Protein backbone atom coordinates (compact mmCIF):
# COMPACT_ATOMS: atom_id res chain seq x y z
CA MET A 1 -216.77 -74.39 27.27
CA LYS A 2 -213.99 -74.75 29.57
CA LYS A 3 -211.03 -77.10 28.42
CA PRO A 4 -211.08 -79.64 31.52
CA LYS A 5 -207.63 -79.14 33.43
CA ILE A 6 -205.73 -82.39 34.33
CA ILE A 7 -203.34 -82.53 37.48
CA PRO A 8 -202.02 -85.73 38.17
CA ARG A 9 -201.16 -86.49 42.54
CA GLY A 10 -198.12 -87.57 43.41
CA LYS A 11 -195.78 -89.75 41.04
CA GLN A 12 -197.94 -89.20 38.75
CA ILE A 13 -197.27 -87.74 35.37
CA LEU A 14 -200.21 -87.55 32.07
CA ILE A 15 -198.91 -87.65 28.34
CA GLN A 16 -200.27 -87.66 25.39
CA PRO A 17 -200.09 -90.13 22.70
CA ASP A 18 -198.09 -89.32 20.01
CA GLY A 19 -200.05 -91.30 16.87
CA GLU A 20 -204.03 -92.16 16.15
CA SER A 21 -205.84 -94.34 18.34
CA GLY A 22 -205.62 -97.34 15.47
CA ARG A 23 -204.06 -97.81 12.23
CA GLU A 24 -205.17 -98.30 9.42
CA SER A 25 -204.08 -101.43 7.14
CA GLU A 26 -203.56 -100.61 3.06
CA TYR A 27 -206.66 -102.78 2.38
CA GLY A 28 -208.85 -99.88 5.73
CA ILE A 29 -208.78 -102.54 7.38
CA ILE A 30 -208.50 -100.52 11.31
CA THR A 31 -206.63 -102.12 14.25
CA PRO A 32 -207.59 -100.75 17.53
CA GLU A 33 -204.33 -99.48 19.86
CA SER A 34 -205.22 -102.44 22.06
CA VAL A 35 -204.57 -105.60 19.84
CA ALA A 36 -202.08 -103.88 18.35
CA GLN A 37 -198.38 -106.14 18.73
CA GLU A 38 -196.46 -103.22 20.26
CA THR A 39 -194.74 -103.22 23.77
CA LYS A 40 -193.13 -99.62 24.24
CA ALA A 41 -195.45 -96.13 22.87
CA ILE A 42 -193.88 -92.22 22.76
CA GLY A 43 -194.89 -89.63 23.49
CA THR A 44 -195.42 -86.11 25.25
CA VAL A 45 -195.78 -85.35 28.65
CA ILE A 46 -198.25 -82.66 29.38
CA ALA A 47 -197.91 -82.56 33.25
CA VAL A 48 -196.62 -83.68 36.54
CA GLY A 49 -197.10 -85.03 39.58
CA PRO A 50 -195.94 -82.91 42.78
CA GLU A 51 -193.91 -85.17 43.76
CA VAL A 52 -192.08 -86.17 40.09
CA LYS A 53 -188.37 -84.88 39.95
CA ASP A 54 -186.58 -86.82 36.76
CA VAL A 55 -189.93 -86.13 34.18
CA LYS A 56 -190.90 -82.60 33.47
CA LYS A 57 -193.19 -80.90 30.78
CA GLY A 58 -192.75 -81.35 27.27
CA SER A 59 -189.86 -84.21 27.12
CA ARG A 60 -190.65 -86.39 24.78
CA VAL A 61 -190.77 -90.60 26.09
CA ILE A 62 -191.08 -93.79 26.17
CA TYR A 63 -192.49 -95.60 27.88
CA GLY A 64 -194.58 -98.71 28.39
CA ALA A 65 -197.12 -99.71 25.58
CA PHE A 66 -199.44 -101.15 28.39
CA ALA A 67 -198.30 -98.99 31.28
CA GLY A 68 -200.86 -96.68 33.09
CA GLU A 69 -204.14 -95.33 32.80
CA GLN A 70 -205.85 -94.57 29.33
CA ILE A 71 -207.65 -91.83 28.97
CA SER A 72 -209.83 -89.27 26.57
CA PHE A 73 -211.46 -86.36 26.86
CA LYS A 74 -213.82 -84.83 24.89
CA ASP A 75 -212.31 -81.47 23.41
CA SER A 76 -214.97 -78.34 22.25
CA THR A 77 -213.41 -79.73 18.23
CA LYS A 78 -212.48 -82.79 18.90
CA GLU A 79 -211.21 -86.01 21.30
CA VAL A 80 -207.91 -85.83 22.94
CA ASP A 81 -206.90 -88.82 24.03
CA TYR A 82 -204.37 -88.79 27.17
CA VAL A 83 -201.95 -91.90 29.14
CA LEU A 84 -202.31 -91.66 32.85
CA LEU A 85 -199.19 -93.34 34.78
CA PHE A 86 -196.37 -93.56 36.57
CA ASP A 87 -192.60 -91.62 36.80
CA GLU A 88 -191.30 -95.21 37.36
CA ASP A 89 -193.41 -95.78 33.98
CA VAL A 90 -191.25 -93.52 31.59
CA LEU A 91 -188.52 -95.76 29.95
CA ALA A 92 -186.67 -93.07 28.17
CA PHE A 93 -186.30 -89.60 26.90
CA ILE A 94 -185.61 -88.71 23.73
CA GLU A 95 -183.65 -85.86 22.87
CA ASP A 96 -184.02 -84.16 19.48
């Protein structure tokens, strides 16, 4: 099966979020991301639309946890989560 390629349009960017889709407590209770109280998220830019000027593919960014659209694709081995959002939703860059 060929891996799907997502190409953002306009000022959209595609981000692969860091971490798991939920969190597990010390007692084994998993809290879905939708219930988490965090308001910021961190991820890596996978692709950028043609109108995006200051965000580059491969950049590590901080963005609003509730910004954009959540997308899940089933790869040949696992399900991969992405976030598709506008470049204005990027709050900061992370430099190593």
